[in-house]
Amino acid sequence: MLRQIRQLSLVALALAACTKDPAPAPKAEKKADDAPAYELNLAASGPWAAGQASNAAVTVTAKPGFHVNPEYPVTFKPEGSEAVKFEGERVALTPGTRTPCADKAEDACKVEFPLPVTPEKPGPAKVAGIVAFSVCSADKCLIEKVPVTLAISVQ
């Protein structure tokens, strides 16, 4: 009987320890070296015409010490736009213009990816979605998923 009481006491202590609120995790402080290793831009040249396919351009520019990862499949996942049409729920982007890195010409530090877009109707519209890409340094690769938005005027 005494053994059962000890076992129940141990179980009760274990349960009590589990119900206590854990100490709050310390907040991470943003340091100067936490700046993004890239710049991402979504741009388009006009004019845009309803029903006619055109291209916007996604440009990934790696900061010094990094390059655009050619092995990572760059994609665009459209979000919340009824006024423009895309090739699918996730658009695979093929590299277009590549700018070599100054310190290592075989790496690209800037890559422009054409993004096929077809506006559906005249008036204001927006191209919005998430761009997934990767940039690498000598010791690490970063995989990023960044939201972008571009306002366009369709004729």
N, C-alpha and C. Protein backbone atom coordinates (compact mmCIF):
# COMPACT_ATOMS: atom_id res chain seq x y z
N MET A 1 0.82 -1.18 0.00
CA MET A 1 0.00 0.00 0.00
C MET A 1 0.87 1.25 0.00
N LEU A 2 1.91 1.24 0.81
CA LEU A 2 2.82 2.38 0.87
C LEU A 2 3.49 2.61 -0.48
N ARG A 3 3.80 1.52 -1.15
CA ARG A 3 4.42 1.62 -2.49
C ARG A 3 3.46 2.29 -3.46
N GLN A 4 2.17 1.95 -3.41
CA GLN A 4 1.18 2.55 -4.31
C GLN A 4 1.02 4.05 -4.01
N ILE A 5 1.09 4.42 -2.76
CA ILE A 5 0.98 5.83 -2.39
C ILE A 5 2.17 6.60 -2.95
N ARG A 6 3.37 6.03 -2.84
CA ARG A 6 4.55 6.68 -3.39
C ARG A 6 4.42 6.86 -4.91
N GLN A 7 3.96 5.81 -5.59
CA GLN A 7 3.80 5.89 -7.05
C GLN A 7 2.78 6.96 -7.41
N LEU A 8 1.67 7.01 -6.70
CA LEU A 8 0.66 8.03 -6.96
C LEU A 8 1.20 9.43 -6.67
N SER A 9 2.00 9.55 -5.65
CA SER A 9 2.61 10.84 -5.32
C SER A 9 3.53 11.29 -6.45
N LEU A 10 4.32 10.37 -6.98
CA LEU A 10 5.22 10.70 -8.09
C LEU A 10 4.43 11.10 -9.34
N VAL A 11 3.35 10.40 -9.61
CA VAL A 11 2.50 10.74 -10.76
C VAL A 11 1.89 12.12 -10.56
N ALA A 12 1.43 12.40 -9.36
CA ALA A 12 0.82 13.71 -9.05
C ALA A 12 1.85 14.82 -9.22
N LEU A 13 3.07 14.61 -8.77
CA LEU A 13 4.13 15.61 -8.93
C LEU A 13 4.45 15.83 -10.41
N ALA A 14 4.50 14.75 -11.17
CA ALA A 14 4.79 14.87 -12.60
C ALA A 14 3.69 15.66 -13.31
N LEU A 15 2.44 15.35 -12.96
CA LEU A 15 1.32 16.08 -13.57
C LEU A 15 1.32 17.56 -13.17
N ALA A 16 1.65 17.82 -11.95
CA ALA A 16 1.70 19.22 -11.49
C ALA A 16 2.78 19.98 -12.24
N ALA A 17 3.90 19.34 -12.49
CA ALA A 17 4.99 20.00 -13.21
C ALA A 17 4.58 20.29 -14.65
N CYS A 18 3.76 19.41 -15.24
CA CYS A 18 3.32 19.60 -16.63
C CYS A 18 2.30 20.72 -16.77
N THR A 19 1.54 21.00 -15.74
CA THR A 19 0.49 22.01 -15.86
C THR A 19 0.98 23.42 -15.61
N LYS A 20 2.20 23.57 -15.14
CA LYS A 20 2.74 24.92 -14.91
C LYS A 20 3.01 25.58 -16.24
N ASP A 21 2.75 26.87 -16.32
CA ASP A 21 3.06 27.62 -17.54
C ASP A 21 4.56 27.70 -17.70
N PRO A 22 5.04 27.39 -18.91
CA PRO A 22 6.48 27.51 -19.12
C PRO A 22 6.89 28.98 -19.11
N ALA A 23 8.13 29.21 -18.79
CA ALA A 23 8.64 30.59 -18.79
C ALA A 23 8.59 31.12 -20.22
N PRO A 24 8.22 32.37 -20.39
CA PRO A 24 8.16 32.91 -21.75
C PRO A 24 9.54 32.91 -22.39
N ALA A 25 9.54 32.59 -23.70
CA ALA A 25 10.81 32.56 -24.43
C ALA A 25 11.30 33.99 -24.61
N PRO A 26 12.60 34.19 -24.50
CA PRO A 26 13.11 35.55 -24.70
C PRO A 26 12.89 35.98 -26.15
N LYS A 27 12.56 37.24 -26.34
CA LYS A 27 12.34 37.76 -27.68
C LYS A 27 13.68 37.96 -28.37
N ALA A 28 13.69 37.55 -29.64
CA ALA A 28 14.92 37.72 -30.42
C ALA A 28 15.06 39.19 -30.81
N GLU A 29 16.23 39.69 -30.63
CA GLU A 29 16.49 41.07 -31.03
C GLU A 29 17.06 41.08 -32.43
N LYS A 30 16.59 42.00 -33.23
CA LYS A 30 17.09 42.11 -34.60
C LYS A 30 18.42 42.85 -34.57
N LYS A 31 19.43 42.21 -35.14
CA LYS A 31 20.76 42.80 -35.18
C LYS A 31 21.00 43.39 -36.55
N ALA A 32 21.99 44.22 -36.65
CA ALA A 32 22.33 44.85 -37.93
C ALA A 32 22.70 43.81 -38.97
N ASP A 33 23.33 42.70 -38.54
CA ASP A 33 23.73 41.68 -39.50
C ASP A 33 22.57 40.77 -39.90
N ASP A 34 21.35 41.03 -39.41
CA ASP A 34 20.17 40.27 -39.78
C ASP A 34 19.50 40.84 -41.03
N ALA A 35 20.14 41.81 -41.67
CA ALA A 35 19.58 42.41 -42.88
C ALA A 35 19.44 41.33 -43.95
N PRO A 36 18.41 41.42 -44.79
CA PRO A 36 18.24 40.40 -45.84
C PRO A 36 19.47 40.29 -46.73
N ALA A 37 19.71 39.10 -47.20
CA ALA A 37 20.85 38.82 -48.07
C ALA A 37 20.47 39.00 -49.54
N TYR A 38 19.32 39.64 -49.77
CA TYR A 38 18.81 39.78 -51.12
C TYR A 38 17.91 41.01 -51.21
N GLU A 39 17.57 41.35 -52.44
CA GLU A 39 16.54 42.34 -52.73
C GLU A 39 15.63 41.70 -53.75
N LEU A 40 14.32 41.84 -53.56
CA LEU A 40 13.35 41.24 -54.47
C LEU A 40 12.49 42.34 -55.04
N ASN A 41 12.25 42.29 -56.35
CA ASN A 41 11.47 43.33 -57.01
C ASN A 41 10.51 42.69 -58.01
N LEU A 42 9.29 43.22 -58.06
CA LEU A 42 8.30 42.83 -59.07
C LEU A 42 7.97 44.08 -59.86
N ALA A 43 8.20 44.04 -61.16
CA ALA A 43 7.97 45.22 -62.00
C ALA A 43 7.33 44.79 -63.31
N ALA A 44 6.82 45.78 -64.03
CA ALA A 44 6.21 45.51 -65.33
C ALA A 44 6.30 46.75 -66.19
N SER A 45 6.45 46.50 -67.48
CA SER A 45 6.38 47.62 -68.41
C SER A 45 5.03 47.51 -69.11
N GLY A 46 4.45 48.61 -69.44
CA GLY A 46 3.13 48.62 -70.05
C GLY A 46 3.24 48.67 -71.54
N PRO A 47 2.19 48.87 -72.20
CA PRO A 47 0.84 48.89 -71.67
C PRO A 47 0.28 47.48 -71.48
N TRP A 48 -0.75 47.37 -70.65
CA TRP A 48 -1.43 46.12 -70.40
C TRP A 48 -2.77 46.17 -71.13
N ALA A 49 -3.12 45.10 -71.84
CA ALA A 49 -4.38 45.05 -72.56
C ALA A 49 -5.17 43.82 -72.11
N ALA A 50 -6.47 44.01 -71.90
CA ALA A 50 -7.33 42.92 -71.45
C ALA A 50 -7.30 41.77 -72.46
N GLY A 51 -7.12 40.56 -71.95
CA GLY A 51 -7.13 39.36 -72.77
C GLY A 51 -5.81 39.07 -73.48
N GLN A 52 -4.82 39.94 -73.35
CA GLN A 52 -3.53 39.72 -74.02
C GLN A 52 -2.46 39.35 -73.00
N ALA A 53 -1.79 38.24 -73.27
CA ALA A 53 -0.72 37.79 -72.38
C ALA A 53 0.45 38.77 -72.44
N SER A 54 1.04 39.00 -71.31
CA SER A 54 2.20 39.89 -71.19
C SER A 54 3.08 39.34 -70.08
N ASN A 55 4.13 40.06 -69.76
CA ASN A 55 5.04 39.61 -68.69
C ASN A 55 5.28 40.71 -67.68
N ALA A 56 5.30 40.31 -66.44
CA ALA A 56 5.87 41.12 -65.37
C ALA A 56 7.27 40.54 -65.19
N ALA A 57 8.08 41.16 -64.35
CA ALA A 57 9.43 40.65 -64.13
C ALA A 57 9.72 40.57 -62.64
N VAL A 58 10.10 39.39 -62.19
CA VAL A 58 10.56 39.18 -60.82
C VAL A 58 12.08 39.22 -60.87
N THR A 59 12.68 40.12 -60.10
CA THR A 59 14.13 40.23 -60.08
C THR A 59 14.66 39.95 -58.68
N VAL A 60 15.57 38.99 -58.60
CA VAL A 60 16.24 38.65 -57.33
C VAL A 60 17.67 39.16 -57.44
N THR A 61 18.05 40.02 -56.50
CA THR A 61 19.41 40.56 -56.45
C THR A 61 20.04 40.14 -55.13
N ALA A 62 21.11 39.37 -55.21
CA ALA A 62 21.82 38.92 -54.01
C ALA A 62 22.74 40.03 -53.52
N LYS A 63 22.80 40.21 -52.21
CA LYS A 63 23.70 41.19 -51.60
C LYS A 63 25.13 40.65 -51.63
N PRO A 64 26.14 41.50 -51.43
CA PRO A 64 27.54 41.04 -51.47
C PRO A 64 27.76 39.83 -50.55
N GLY A 65 28.49 38.86 -51.08
CA GLY A 65 28.76 37.63 -50.34
C GLY A 65 27.77 36.53 -50.67
N PHE A 66 26.70 36.85 -51.37
CA PHE A 66 25.67 35.87 -51.73
C PHE A 66 25.51 35.84 -53.25
N HIS A 67 24.88 34.78 -53.75
CA HIS A 67 24.51 34.67 -55.15
C HIS A 67 23.15 33.98 -55.23
N VAL A 68 22.47 34.15 -56.35
CA VAL A 68 21.17 33.49 -56.55
C VAL A 68 21.44 32.01 -56.80
N ASN A 69 20.75 31.17 -56.06
CA ASN A 69 20.95 29.72 -56.14
C ASN A 69 20.33 29.18 -57.43
N PRO A 70 21.16 28.71 -58.40
CA PRO A 70 20.61 28.23 -59.67
C PRO A 70 19.94 26.86 -59.55
N GLU A 71 20.18 26.16 -58.45
CA GLU A 71 19.62 24.82 -58.25
C GLU A 71 18.20 24.86 -57.67
N TYR A 72 17.83 25.99 -57.08
CA TYR A 72 16.52 26.08 -56.43
C TYR A 72 15.45 26.45 -57.45
N PRO A 73 14.33 25.72 -57.48
CA PRO A 73 13.26 26.03 -58.44
C PRO A 73 12.47 27.28 -58.01
N VAL A 74 12.69 28.39 -58.67
CA VAL A 74 12.01 29.64 -58.34
C VAL A 74 10.57 29.55 -58.81
N THR A 75 9.63 29.90 -57.92
CA THR A 75 8.21 29.83 -58.26
C THR A 75 7.47 31.08 -57.79
N PHE A 76 6.31 31.29 -58.40
CA PHE A 76 5.39 32.37 -58.01
C PHE A 76 4.05 31.73 -57.74
N LYS A 77 3.51 31.93 -56.53
CA LYS A 77 2.20 31.42 -56.16
C LYS A 77 1.23 32.60 -56.10
N PRO A 78 0.36 32.73 -57.12
CA PRO A 78 -0.58 33.86 -57.16
C PRO A 78 -1.51 33.87 -55.95
N GLU A 79 -1.90 35.10 -55.54
CA GLU A 79 -2.81 35.26 -54.41
C GLU A 79 -3.85 36.31 -54.72
N GLY A 80 -5.10 35.98 -54.47
CA GLY A 80 -6.21 36.91 -54.43
C GLY A 80 -6.39 37.89 -55.57
N SER A 81 -6.31 37.43 -56.81
CA SER A 81 -6.55 38.35 -57.91
C SER A 81 -7.49 37.72 -58.92
N GLU A 82 -8.63 38.36 -59.10
CA GLU A 82 -9.59 37.88 -60.10
C GLU A 82 -9.42 38.63 -61.41
N ALA A 83 -8.70 39.73 -61.41
CA ALA A 83 -8.57 40.56 -62.60
C ALA A 83 -7.42 40.13 -63.50
N VAL A 84 -6.55 39.24 -63.01
CA VAL A 84 -5.45 38.75 -63.83
C VAL A 84 -5.41 37.22 -63.75
N LYS A 85 -4.90 36.61 -64.80
CA LYS A 85 -4.85 35.16 -64.89
C LYS A 85 -3.39 34.72 -65.03
N PHE A 86 -3.06 33.59 -64.39
CA PHE A 86 -1.72 33.04 -64.44
C PHE A 86 -1.76 31.65 -65.04
N GLU A 87 -0.61 31.07 -65.31
CA GLU A 87 -0.51 29.75 -65.93
C GLU A 87 -0.92 28.60 -65.02
N GLY A 88 -1.13 28.86 -63.76
CA GLY A 88 -1.53 27.81 -62.83
C GLY A 88 -1.54 28.32 -61.40
N GLU A 89 -1.76 27.39 -60.48
CA GLU A 89 -1.79 27.75 -59.06
C GLU A 89 -0.40 28.04 -58.52
N ARG A 90 0.61 27.53 -59.21
CA ARG A 90 2.01 27.82 -58.88
C ARG A 90 2.74 27.89 -60.21
N VAL A 91 3.38 29.02 -60.46
CA VAL A 91 4.05 29.25 -61.74
C VAL A 91 5.56 29.05 -61.57
N ALA A 92 6.12 28.10 -62.33
CA ALA A 92 7.57 27.89 -62.32
C ALA A 92 8.20 29.00 -63.14
N LEU A 93 9.16 29.70 -62.57
CA LEU A 93 9.82 30.82 -63.26
C LEU A 93 11.16 30.36 -63.84
N THR A 94 11.35 30.68 -65.11
CA THR A 94 12.59 30.33 -65.80
C THR A 94 13.50 31.55 -65.82
N PRO A 95 14.77 31.38 -65.48
CA PRO A 95 15.69 32.53 -65.47
C PRO A 95 15.77 33.19 -66.84
N GLY A 96 15.77 34.50 -66.83
CA GLY A 96 15.96 35.29 -68.04
C GLY A 96 17.34 35.92 -67.97
N THR A 97 17.38 37.24 -67.90
CA THR A 97 18.64 37.97 -67.83
C THR A 97 19.38 37.67 -66.54
N ARG A 98 20.65 37.31 -66.67
CA ARG A 98 21.51 37.01 -65.50
C ARG A 98 22.67 38.00 -65.47
N THR A 99 22.96 38.54 -64.29
CA THR A 99 24.11 39.42 -64.10
C THR A 99 25.12 38.68 -63.22
N PRO A 100 26.33 38.41 -63.74
CA PRO A 100 27.33 37.68 -62.95
C PRO A 100 27.79 38.49 -61.73
N CYS A 101 28.23 37.76 -60.73
CA CYS A 101 28.80 38.40 -59.54
C CYS A 101 30.17 38.96 -59.90
N ALA A 102 30.53 40.08 -59.28
CA ALA A 102 31.81 40.72 -59.56
C ALA A 102 32.99 39.85 -59.12
N ASP A 103 32.84 39.14 -57.99
CA ASP A 103 33.95 38.35 -57.47
C ASP A 103 33.98 36.91 -57.99
N LYS A 104 32.91 36.46 -58.63
CA LYS A 104 32.86 35.07 -59.11
C LYS A 104 31.89 35.03 -60.30
N ALA A 105 32.42 35.17 -61.51
CA ALA A 105 31.61 35.33 -62.71
C ALA A 105 30.69 34.14 -63.00
N GLU A 106 31.02 32.95 -62.51
CA GLU A 106 30.15 31.80 -62.77
C GLU A 106 28.86 31.84 -61.94
N ASP A 107 28.84 32.66 -60.89
CA ASP A 107 27.63 32.84 -60.08
C ASP A 107 26.87 34.07 -60.56
N ALA A 108 25.55 34.02 -60.46
CA ALA A 108 24.72 35.17 -60.81
C ALA A 108 24.30 35.89 -59.54
N CYS A 109 24.56 37.17 -59.48
CA CYS A 109 24.16 37.97 -58.32
C CYS A 109 22.84 38.67 -58.56
N LYS A 110 22.39 38.69 -59.82
CA LYS A 110 21.10 39.29 -60.15
C LYS A 110 20.49 38.46 -61.27
N VAL A 111 19.24 38.02 -61.06
CA VAL A 111 18.54 37.24 -62.08
C VAL A 111 17.13 37.80 -62.23
N GLU A 112 16.75 38.01 -63.50
CA GLU A 112 15.39 38.47 -63.80
C GLU A 112 14.61 37.26 -64.33
N PHE A 113 13.42 37.06 -63.76
CA PHE A 113 12.55 35.96 -64.15
C PHE A 113 11.27 36.53 -64.76
N PRO A 114 11.00 36.28 -66.05
CA PRO A 114 9.73 36.74 -66.63
C PRO A 114 8.56 36.00 -65.96
N LEU A 115 7.49 36.73 -65.65
CA LEU A 115 6.29 36.17 -65.05
C LEU A 115 5.13 36.40 -66.00
N PRO A 116 4.66 35.34 -66.70
CA PRO A 116 3.55 35.50 -67.63
C PRO A 116 2.24 35.86 -66.89
N VAL A 117 1.59 36.92 -67.38
CA VAL A 117 0.35 37.42 -66.77
C VAL A 117 -0.62 37.77 -67.89
N THR A 118 -1.89 37.42 -67.72
CA THR A 118 -2.91 37.82 -68.68
C THR A 118 -4.00 38.59 -67.93
N PRO A 119 -4.10 39.91 -68.16
CA PRO A 119 -5.17 40.68 -67.52
C PRO A 119 -6.52 40.26 -68.11
N GLU A 120 -7.54 40.18 -67.29
CA GLU A 120 -8.84 39.70 -67.72
C GLU A 120 -9.78 40.81 -68.19
N LYS A 121 -9.69 41.99 -67.57
CA LYS A 121 -10.62 43.06 -67.92
C LYS A 121 -9.96 44.42 -67.74
N PRO A 122 -10.45 45.44 -68.44
CA PRO A 122 -9.87 46.78 -68.32
C PRO A 122 -10.07 47.36 -66.91
N GLY A 123 -9.16 48.26 -66.55
CA GLY A 123 -9.25 48.94 -65.26
C GLY A 123 -8.05 48.61 -64.39
N PRO A 124 -8.11 49.06 -63.14
CA PRO A 124 -7.00 48.78 -62.24
C PRO A 124 -7.00 47.30 -61.83
N ALA A 125 -5.82 46.75 -61.67
CA ALA A 125 -5.67 45.35 -61.25
C ALA A 125 -4.38 45.24 -60.46
N LYS A 126 -4.21 44.10 -59.83
CA LYS A 126 -2.95 43.89 -59.13
C LYS A 126 -2.44 42.48 -59.38
N VAL A 127 -1.13 42.40 -59.48
CA VAL A 127 -0.42 41.14 -59.57
C VAL A 127 0.14 40.91 -58.18
N ALA A 128 -0.31 39.85 -57.52
CA ALA A 128 0.13 39.61 -56.14
C ALA A 128 0.37 38.12 -55.93
N GLY A 129 1.35 37.83 -55.09
CA GLY A 129 1.62 36.45 -54.78
C GLY A 129 2.88 36.29 -53.94
N ILE A 130 3.32 35.06 -53.83
CA ILE A 130 4.50 34.71 -53.03
C ILE A 130 5.58 34.18 -53.99
N VAL A 131 6.76 34.77 -53.91
CA VAL A 131 7.90 34.30 -54.70
C VAL A 131 8.77 33.44 -53.79
N ALA A 132 9.05 32.21 -54.24
CA ALA A 132 9.94 31.31 -53.51
C ALA A 132 11.25 31.22 -54.29
N PHE A 133 12.37 31.47 -53.59
CA PHE A 133 13.68 31.48 -54.22
C PHE A 133 14.74 31.19 -53.17
N SER A 134 15.99 31.12 -53.61
CA SER A 134 17.09 30.85 -52.68
C SER A 134 18.32 31.65 -53.07
N VAL A 135 19.03 32.14 -52.06
CA VAL A 135 20.33 32.78 -52.26
C VAL A 135 21.33 32.06 -51.35
N CYS A 136 22.58 31.99 -51.82
CA CYS A 136 23.61 31.25 -51.08
C CYS A 136 24.87 32.07 -50.90
N SER A 137 25.56 31.79 -49.80
CA SER A 137 26.91 32.32 -49.57
C SER A 137 27.84 31.12 -49.58
N ALA A 138 29.10 31.32 -49.25
CA ALA A 138 30.06 30.22 -49.22
C ALA A 138 29.70 29.18 -48.16
N ASP A 139 29.03 29.59 -47.07
CA ASP A 139 28.75 28.64 -46.00
C ASP A 139 27.28 28.37 -45.71
N LYS A 140 26.34 29.02 -46.41
CA LYS A 140 24.93 28.71 -46.16
C LYS A 140 24.06 29.13 -47.33
N CYS A 141 22.92 28.45 -47.42
CA CYS A 141 21.89 28.81 -48.40
C CYS A 141 20.62 29.18 -47.64
N LEU A 142 19.97 30.23 -48.08
CA LEU A 142 18.73 30.68 -47.48
C LEU A 142 17.59 30.42 -48.46
N ILE A 143 16.52 29.82 -47.99
CA ILE A 143 15.34 29.61 -48.81
C ILE A 143 14.30 30.62 -48.33
N GLU A 144 13.83 31.44 -49.26
CA GLU A 144 12.93 32.53 -48.91
C GLU A 144 11.59 32.38 -49.62
N LYS A 145 10.53 32.84 -48.97
CA LYS A 145 9.19 32.93 -49.55
C LYS A 145 8.69 34.33 -49.20
N VAL A 146 8.65 35.20 -50.22
CA VAL A 146 8.40 36.62 -49.98
C VAL A 146 7.15 37.07 -50.75
N PRO A 147 6.22 37.76 -50.06
CA PRO A 147 5.05 38.29 -50.76
C PRO A 147 5.42 39.52 -51.58
N VAL A 148 4.82 39.63 -52.77
CA VAL A 148 5.03 40.80 -53.64
C VAL A 148 3.68 41.23 -54.21
N THR A 149 3.59 42.53 -54.52
CA THR A 149 2.38 43.09 -55.12
C THR A 149 2.77 44.15 -56.12
N LEU A 150 2.04 44.19 -57.23
CA LEU A 150 2.27 45.18 -58.27
C LEU A 150 0.92 45.67 -58.78
N ALA A 151 0.68 46.96 -58.71
CA ALA A 151 -0.55 47.54 -59.25
C ALA A 151 -0.34 47.83 -60.74
N ILE A 152 -1.31 47.43 -61.54
CA ILE A 152 -1.24 47.68 -62.98
C ILE A 152 -2.55 48.33 -63.45
N SER A 153 -2.47 48.99 -64.60
CA SER A 153 -3.66 49.59 -65.20
C SER A 153 -3.86 48.91 -66.55
N VAL A 154 -5.02 48.27 -66.71
CA VAL A 154 -5.32 47.49 -67.91
C VAL A 154 -6.21 48.31 -68.83
N GLN A 155 -5.84 48.33 -70.11
CA GLN A 155 -6.63 49.08 -71.10
C GLN A 155 -7.69 48.19 -71.72
